[in-house]
Amino acid sequence: MAAMNDFEKDFLDGEPSDIIELEATDAHKGQRIDSFISAECDMTRSAAVKLIESGNVSVDGELPKKNYKMTGNERVSVVIPAPQECEARPENIPLDVIYEDSDIIVVNKPVGMVVHPAAGNTSGTLVNALLYHCGGSLSGIGGVIRPGIVHRIDKDTAGLLVSAKNDDAHLFLAERIKEHKVSRIYYAIILGNMREESGTVNAPIGRHPTDRKKMAVIRDATRHSREAITHWSVVERFGRFTLIRCELETGRTHQIRVHMASIGHPLLGDTVYGGGGTEFEAKNRRLINGQCLFAAELTLEHPRTGELMTFRADFPEDFSAVLDKLRKEYC
């Protein structure tokens, strides 16, 4: 049974309470239930204990104690409660500010930083840092848990994000994103050698039908999905790996990761969608922290002046170091 990943992902997408269905095997025999849930749902053990104690876990229909030991072959249901709106608090966290005025702020988010607070992750986020840096002058449309947040990138993806400092700017940018009038350019290192120099993946994305912590290409008309379009082009080839440039026409959760995996080229380091476990990754663990994906360029119309503005950021040091390693080993 594949391990679940990113306990907070549903909360980031504003999903209601969710139920995760797990099946234990003989390999889990003797393992404590809290340890089992912690591993399978990628959450801390203390978070698993809280779910058990609050009656949100059942084993074959019965409520277990936190020290229950697995016998193997049980069915475990885990209810993930909907997040409670808790006001984000300012935190003095350094930010790499690319541009700022009275309406917008563009930052270069580092790998490992979550965009906004969520269940089990209430501090150390970009929102906490923005609240401190901006002195509270962020749009209120996202509520107390997502002030200023117009769009997001994954925790383990570095790169450019624009946030709104007032409601008018927020509404303007949100509408432009909806109309596909904000350009977002990413660079990704993928497994395998692309046959073509460029192409487009046009495939709808929705929740994975059996693993609710993942997204997937969903072509079944009876299941909910949304249009997703990614344009890609080859930048550099390394034989067994390829550096590509991706331009998003839409902005679905995990879009590039899902689309590239769907055509047989998952991102290097992406353990969720099949790009982890390579020999190269094993030899360079200190450099690869999650999927090799970087939001490098952002073009938008300024909400007050109407000026078309383009922001760019250099590759992070670890991303550049991975490319250097690939050039030495495979070129």
Protein backbone atom coordinates (compact mmCIF):
# COMPACT_ATOMS: atom_id res chain seq x y z
CA MET A 1 0.00 0.00 0.00
CA ALA A 2 1.46 3.35 -1.04
CA ALA A 3 2.13 5.86 1.73
CA MET A 4 -0.03 8.97 1.85
CA ASN A 5 1.68 12.33 1.56
CA ASP A 6 1.26 15.96 2.68
CA PHE A 7 -1.33 15.80 5.43
CA GLU A 8 -2.09 19.49 5.02
CA LYS A 9 -2.77 19.46 1.26
CA ASP A 10 -6.57 19.19 1.55
CA PHE A 11 -6.60 22.12 3.91
CA LEU A 12 -4.54 24.20 1.50
CA ASP A 13 -7.20 23.62 -1.13
CA GLY A 14 -10.03 24.50 1.23
CA GLU A 15 -11.50 21.01 1.17
CA PRO A 16 -14.12 20.00 3.75
CA SER A 17 -13.44 17.20 6.20
CA ASP A 18 -12.18 14.12 4.40
CA ILE A 19 -12.05 10.38 5.05
CA ILE A 20 -8.91 8.39 4.28
CA GLU A 21 -9.42 4.65 3.91
CA LEU A 22 -6.37 2.51 4.67
CA GLU A 23 -5.79 -1.23 4.46
CA ALA A 24 -3.25 -2.84 6.77
CA THR A 25 -1.24 -5.84 5.58
CA ASP A 26 0.74 -8.57 7.31
CA ALA A 27 3.73 -6.23 7.16
CA HIS A 28 1.99 -3.91 9.65
CA LYS A 29 1.36 -6.67 12.22
CA GLY A 30 2.42 -5.53 15.70
CA GLN A 31 2.67 -1.84 14.74
CA ARG A 32 0.88 0.65 16.97
CA ILE A 33 -2.13 2.32 15.39
CA ASP A 34 -0.74 5.85 15.96
CA SER A 35 2.52 4.89 14.29
CA PHE A 36 0.63 3.27 11.39
CA ILE A 37 -1.48 6.38 10.77
CA SER A 38 1.53 8.67 11.14
CA ALA A 39 3.42 6.78 8.43
CA GLU A 40 0.52 6.22 6.04
CA CYS A 41 -0.88 9.76 6.25
CA ASP A 42 2.47 11.57 6.50
CA MET A 43 1.59 13.39 9.72
CA THR A 44 3.28 13.61 13.10
CA ARG A 45 2.61 10.87 15.62
CA SER A 46 1.12 13.40 18.04
CA ALA A 47 -1.35 14.49 15.32
CA ALA A 48 -2.32 10.85 14.82
CA VAL A 49 -2.87 10.43 18.56
CA LYS A 50 -5.16 13.49 18.61
CA LEU A 51 -7.26 12.02 15.81
CA ILE A 52 -7.55 8.71 17.67
CA GLU A 53 -8.44 10.35 20.98
CA SER A 54 -11.06 12.55 19.32
CA GLY A 55 -12.83 9.53 17.81
CA ASN A 56 -11.78 10.26 14.23
CA VAL A 57 -10.19 6.83 13.70
CA SER A 58 -11.92 3.48 13.41
CA VAL A 59 -10.52 -0.01 12.88
CA ASP A 60 -13.00 -2.37 11.23
CA GLY A 61 -15.75 -0.08 12.47
CA GLU A 62 -14.54 0.05 16.10
CA LEU A 63 -12.87 2.97 17.89
CA PRO A 64 -9.35 1.90 18.95
CA LYS A 65 -7.18 3.09 21.81
CA LYS A 66 -3.98 4.89 20.88
CA ASN A 67 -1.87 1.87 21.97
CA TYR A 68 -3.84 -0.55 19.78
CA LYS A 69 -1.49 -2.88 17.89
CA MET A 70 -2.24 -3.87 14.34
CA THR A 71 -2.99 -7.54 13.64
CA GLY A 72 -2.73 -7.15 9.86
CA ASN A 73 -5.49 -7.03 7.20
CA GLU A 74 -7.61 -4.45 9.07
CA ARG A 75 -9.48 -1.61 7.40
CA VAL A 76 -8.67 1.72 9.03
CA SER A 77 -10.77 4.84 8.45
CA VAL A 78 -9.24 8.22 9.31
CA VAL A 79 -11.47 11.30 9.35
CA ILE A 80 -9.51 14.49 8.67
CA PRO A 81 -11.54 17.33 10.20
CA ALA A 82 -12.06 20.55 8.27
CA PRO A 83 -9.65 23.28 9.38
CA GLN A 84 -10.73 25.77 11.98
CA GLU A 85 -10.14 29.37 11.00
CA CYS A 86 -7.41 30.57 13.31
CA GLU A 87 -5.95 34.01 12.76
CA ALA A 88 -2.43 33.92 11.37
CA ARG A 89 0.07 35.85 13.46
CA PRO A 90 3.01 37.98 12.27
CA GLU A 91 6.43 36.32 12.52
CA ASN A 92 9.81 37.90 11.86
CA ILE A 93 10.86 35.58 9.04
CA PRO A 94 13.25 36.93 6.37
CA LEU A 95 11.72 37.36 2.91
CA ASP A 96 13.37 37.61 -0.50
CA VAL A 97 11.31 40.54 -1.82
CA ILE A 98 11.57 40.98 -5.59
CA TYR A 99 9.17 43.94 -5.83
CA GLU A 100 6.85 45.86 -3.52
CA ASP A 101 4.56 48.87 -3.66
CA SER A 102 1.31 49.92 -1.98
CA ASP A 103 -0.75 47.37 -3.95
CA ILE A 104 1.33 44.21 -4.45
CA ILE A 105 4.36 42.39 -3.15
CA VAL A 106 6.29 39.78 -5.15
CA VAL A 107 8.47 37.38 -3.18
CA ASN A 108 10.77 34.50 -4.03
CA LYS A 109 9.56 31.69 -1.75
CA PRO A 110 12.17 29.18 -0.59
CA VAL A 111 11.80 25.40 -0.67
CA GLY A 112 10.19 24.07 2.51
CA MET A 113 7.98 27.08 3.25
CA VAL A 114 4.21 26.53 3.22
CA VAL A 115 2.27 29.44 1.75
CA HIS A 116 -0.34 29.83 4.49
CA PRO A 117 -1.27 28.26 7.84
CA ALA A 118 -3.17 24.99 7.85
CA ALA A 119 -4.05 22.24 10.29
CA GLY A 120 -0.85 20.95 11.89
CA ASN A 121 1.18 23.79 10.36
CA THR A 122 0.22 27.10 11.95
CA SER A 123 3.53 28.97 11.93
CA GLY A 124 6.57 29.58 9.78
CA THR A 125 4.47 30.15 6.66
CA LEU A 126 4.70 32.82 3.99
CA VAL A 127 1.57 34.47 5.41
CA ASN A 128 3.17 34.74 8.85
CA ALA A 129 6.19 36.40 7.25
CA LEU A 130 4.09 38.74 5.09
CA LEU A 131 2.01 39.89 8.06
CA TYR A 132 5.18 40.94 9.86
CA HIS A 133 6.82 42.51 6.81
CA CYS A 134 3.73 44.38 5.61
CA GLY A 135 2.57 45.48 9.02
CA GLY A 136 -0.91 44.08 8.51
CA SER A 137 -1.51 45.78 5.15
CA LEU A 138 -2.71 42.73 3.23
CA SER A 139 -6.03 42.13 1.53
CA GLY A 140 -8.69 40.55 3.70
CA ILE A 141 -10.46 38.57 0.99
CA GLY A 142 -8.63 35.36 1.87
CA GLY A 143 -9.83 35.59 5.47
CA VAL A 144 -7.69 35.54 8.59
CA ILE A 145 -5.89 32.38 7.51
CA ARG A 146 -4.95 33.48 3.97
CA PRO A 147 -4.65 37.29 3.92
CA GLY A 148 -3.22 38.59 0.67
CA ILE A 149 -2.89 35.17 -0.94
CA VAL A 150 -3.97 35.21 -4.59
CA HIS A 151 -2.24 32.03 -5.79
CA ARG A 152 0.05 29.39 -4.28
CA ILE A 153 2.93 27.05 -5.02
CA ASP A 154 3.74 23.80 -3.24
CA LYS A 155 5.74 23.66 -0.03
CA ASP A 156 8.67 21.96 -1.75
CA THR A 157 8.61 24.23 -4.80
CA ALA A 158 10.61 27.45 -4.68
CA GLY A 159 9.86 30.55 -6.70
CA LEU A 160 7.83 33.68 -7.36
CA LEU A 161 4.49 34.54 -5.80
CA VAL A 162 2.50 37.76 -5.89
CA SER A 163 0.35 38.77 -2.92
CA ALA A 164 -2.21 41.57 -2.73
CA LYS A 165 -1.91 44.38 -0.19
CA ASN A 166 -5.52 45.55 -0.54
CA ASP A 167 -8.87 44.13 -1.62
CA ASP A 168 -9.02 45.96 -4.95
CA ALA A 169 -5.65 44.55 -5.97
CA HIS A 170 -6.72 41.08 -4.82
CA LEU A 171 -9.92 41.10 -6.87
CA PHE A 172 -8.09 42.42 -9.94
CA LEU A 173 -5.33 39.78 -9.81
CA ALA A 174 -7.73 36.94 -9.04
CA GLU A 175 -9.81 37.86 -12.07
CA ARG A 176 -6.73 38.05 -14.31
CA ILE A 177 -5.60 34.61 -13.13
CA LYS A 178 -9.07 33.23 -13.79
CA GLU A 179 -8.93 34.68 -17.31
CA HIS A 180 -5.46 33.13 -17.87
CA LYS A 181 -3.92 36.60 -18.18
CA VAL A 182 -1.14 36.06 -15.64
CA SER A 183 1.87 34.27 -17.12
CA ARG A 184 3.73 31.80 -14.90
CA ILE A 185 6.93 30.15 -16.12
CA TYR A 186 8.45 27.18 -14.32
CA TYR A 187 11.59 25.12 -14.83
CA ALA A 188 11.58 21.42 -13.98
CA ILE A 189 14.07 18.57 -14.09
CA ILE A 190 12.27 15.45 -15.28
CA LEU A 191 13.16 11.79 -15.59
CA GLY A 192 13.87 10.51 -19.07
CA ASN A 193 14.70 12.09 -22.41
CA MET A 194 11.87 13.90 -24.17
CA ARG A 195 11.45 12.76 -27.79
CA GLU A 196 10.22 16.13 -28.99
CA GLU A 197 11.59 19.63 -28.42
CA SER A 198 8.28 21.00 -27.21
CA GLY A 199 4.68 20.04 -26.63
CA THR A 200 1.47 20.58 -24.70
CA VAL A 201 -0.25 18.43 -22.12
CA ASN A 202 -3.98 19.11 -22.19
CA ALA A 203 -5.51 16.78 -19.60
CA PRO A 204 -8.09 17.52 -16.87
CA ILE A 205 -6.95 17.23 -13.26
CA GLY A 206 -8.93 16.25 -10.18
CA ARG A 207 -8.56 14.40 -6.90
CA HIS A 208 -7.07 10.94 -7.22
CA PRO A 209 -9.95 8.44 -7.04
CA THR A 210 -8.38 6.31 -4.29
CA ASP A 211 -5.66 8.48 -2.73
CA ARG A 212 -7.22 11.75 -1.61
CA LYS A 213 -3.82 13.28 -0.85
CA LYS A 214 -2.88 13.20 -4.53
CA MET A 215 -4.14 14.73 -7.74
CA ALA A 216 -4.50 12.82 -11.01
CA VAL A 217 -5.48 13.14 -14.63
CA ILE A 218 -9.23 12.39 -14.57
CA ARG A 219 -10.92 11.69 -17.89
CA ASP A 220 -13.98 9.99 -16.39
CA ALA A 221 -16.92 12.33 -16.95
CA THR A 222 -18.60 11.01 -13.81
CA ARG A 223 -15.76 12.28 -11.61
CA HIS A 224 -15.00 15.92 -10.84
CA SER A 225 -12.02 17.41 -12.67
CA ARG A 226 -10.99 20.76 -14.14
CA GLU A 227 -9.34 21.73 -17.39
CA ALA A 228 -5.55 21.80 -17.12
CA ILE A 229 -3.09 22.84 -19.84
CA THR A 230 0.71 22.87 -19.60
CA HIS A 231 3.00 23.98 -22.45
CA TRP A 232 6.56 22.67 -22.21
CA SER A 233 9.83 22.97 -24.12
CA VAL A 234 13.24 21.35 -23.73
CA VAL A 235 16.00 23.58 -22.35
CA GLU A 236 18.80 21.08 -21.80
CA ARG A 237 19.21 17.32 -22.13
CA PHE A 238 21.21 15.03 -19.86
CA GLY A 239 20.42 11.65 -21.42
CA ARG A 240 18.51 10.15 -18.51
CA PHE A 241 17.13 13.51 -17.38
CA THR A 242 15.83 16.67 -19.07
CA LEU A 243 15.52 20.29 -18.00
CA ILE A 244 12.27 21.72 -19.34
CA ARG A 245 10.54 25.08 -19.33
CA CYS A 246 6.82 24.97 -18.52
CA GLU A 247 4.24 27.67 -19.08
CA LEU A 248 0.93 27.24 -17.30
CA GLU A 249 -2.23 28.10 -19.18
CA THR A 250 -4.21 27.00 -16.13
CA GLY A 251 -3.15 26.69 -12.50
CA ARG A 252 -4.37 23.46 -10.94
CA THR A 253 -2.96 21.90 -7.79
CA HIS A 254 0.25 19.98 -8.62
CA GLN A 255 -0.41 20.63 -12.32
CA ILE A 256 3.13 20.29 -13.70
CA ARG A 257 3.91 17.34 -11.44
CA VAL A 258 0.76 15.47 -12.46
CA HIS A 259 1.01 16.30 -16.16
CA MET A 260 4.65 15.28 -16.49
CA ALA A 261 4.05 12.05 -14.59
CA SER A 262 1.05 11.31 -16.81
CA ILE A 263 3.27 11.28 -19.93
CA GLY A 264 5.93 9.13 -18.30
CA HIS A 265 8.32 11.88 -17.18
CA PRO A 266 7.84 12.59 -13.46
CA LEU A 267 9.91 15.28 -11.78
CA LEU A 268 13.23 14.31 -10.24
CA GLY A 269 12.77 13.96 -6.48
CA ASP A 270 8.97 13.82 -6.61
CA THR A 271 8.23 10.79 -4.44
CA VAL A 272 4.48 11.41 -4.66
CA TYR A 273 4.19 11.10 -8.43
CA GLY A 274 6.93 8.59 -9.22
CA GLY A 275 10.06 10.70 -9.62
CA GLY A 276 11.81 9.60 -6.42
CA GLY A 277 14.17 6.77 -5.67
CA THR A 278 16.61 7.26 -8.56
CA GLU A 279 20.27 6.36 -8.18
CA PHE A 280 21.17 9.98 -8.91
CA GLU A 281 18.89 11.18 -6.10
CA ALA A 282 20.37 8.68 -3.66
CA LYS A 283 23.86 10.04 -4.36
CA ASN A 284 22.78 13.67 -4.04
CA ARG A 285 20.29 13.68 -1.18
CA ARG A 286 21.66 16.87 0.35
CA LEU A 287 20.84 18.76 -2.86
CA ILE A 288 17.40 17.35 -3.66
CA ASN A 289 14.66 18.49 -1.27
CA GLY A 290 11.42 17.38 -2.87
CA GLN A 291 10.53 17.81 -6.52
CA CYS A 292 12.98 19.71 -8.75
CA LEU A 293 10.63 22.51 -9.77
CA PHE A 294 11.13 26.28 -9.71
CA ALA A 295 8.68 29.12 -10.41
CA ALA A 296 11.12 31.38 -12.24
CA GLU A 297 9.04 34.03 -13.99
CA LEU A 298 5.81 35.91 -13.37
CA THR A 299 4.18 38.40 -15.74
CA LEU A 300 1.10 40.38 -14.71
CA GLU A 301 -0.76 43.62 -15.25
CA HIS A 302 -0.38 45.98 -12.32
CA PRO A 303 -3.79 46.36 -10.63
CA ARG A 304 -3.54 50.16 -10.28
CA THR A 305 -1.41 51.40 -13.19
CA GLY A 306 -2.22 48.76 -15.80
CA GLU A 307 1.50 48.40 -16.54
CA LEU A 308 2.55 44.96 -17.78
CA MET A 309 5.27 43.81 -15.38
CA THR A 310 7.60 40.81 -15.59
CA PHE A 311 9.50 39.49 -12.59
CA ARG A 312 12.29 36.91 -12.77
CA ALA A 313 14.36 35.02 -10.23
CA ASP A 314 17.60 33.08 -10.60
CA PHE A 315 17.67 29.35 -9.98
CA PRO A 316 18.11 28.52 -6.28
CA GLU A 317 21.58 27.29 -5.31
CA ASP A 318 20.46 23.68 -4.82
CA PHE A 319 18.62 23.63 -8.18
CA SER A 320 21.72 24.97 -9.94
CA ALA A 321 23.89 22.47 -8.08
CA VAL A 322 21.71 19.58 -9.29
CA LEU A 323 22.07 20.82 -12.87
CA ASP A 324 25.84 21.02 -12.48
CA LYS A 325 25.91 17.45 -11.17
CA LEU A 326 23.81 16.24 -14.10
CA ARG A 327 26.13 17.96 -16.57
CA LYS A 328 29.16 16.28 -15.04
CA GLU A 329 27.62 12.80 -14.88
CA TYR A 330 25.56 12.60 -18.05
CA CYS A 331 26.98 15.08 -20.56
